[in-house]
Amino acid sequence: MARKTKAEAAATREALLNAAEEVFFAKGVARTSLEQIARHAGLTRGAVYWHFKNKGDLFMALVEQVRMPFQSLMEEVNKADTEISPLESIRLACHAGLVRLEQPSYQRILSILLHRCEFFSDINPLEMQDKIGNECFEEMLSVFEVAQQQQLLREDLSPAVATRMMQTMLGGLFHDWLRNPGAYSIRERGGELIDASIRMMQR
């Protein structure tokens, strides 16, 4: 049997991830088998094991597709305007995150992580959520610290508390919206909350 080219291997991996996204979303992670994912992709279970060690490895690869490191969002907004203040950078980066979240794939995968994934074998959804949340906290905190150094933050508000307030607000917003995404536009409602939060935090 001829060895697959890199392009063919990449296409197979992408097909498996797409299938996993659809089946996990429909059935939940615990009730989905690798056999079901392989069949949904029109492939064999051997193809799954060629690319992923187990279901946990496949699920982690899926989650990695929609991770939004706060640092990358900051770089995205600062690329357009390097003169904006730290607080404005945070505001625009949060808005950019909402835009991504409304993309169907981001919405489905994050919904799987928050609402359709149980503790199962080698999968610990809370550990994954904590890891993503802690990384975001540290990256956002460093920007709020710069805002404090530039005397842009309210005197009675520490960078740590400001970060925790913003992250808690966004986390609650994501969690509630993903239960019923058709109820409202997260870009509109979330944007209002982000803007109001920044106004209350600034000096």
Foldseek 3Di string as FASTA:
>chain_A
DDDDDPVVLVVLLVLLLVLCLVCCLVQFLQPDALQSSQVSSVHHSVSVVVPAVGSQRSLVVLVVVQQDQLVVLLCVVCVVPVPDALLVSSLNSVLVNLVSCPPVSNLSSVLSLQPRYDDDDPDDSVVVVVVSLVSNLVVSLVSLVVCVVVQFWDPVDHSNNLSVVVSVVVVVLSNVCSVPVVPDRCSVVVSVVSVVSSVVTTD
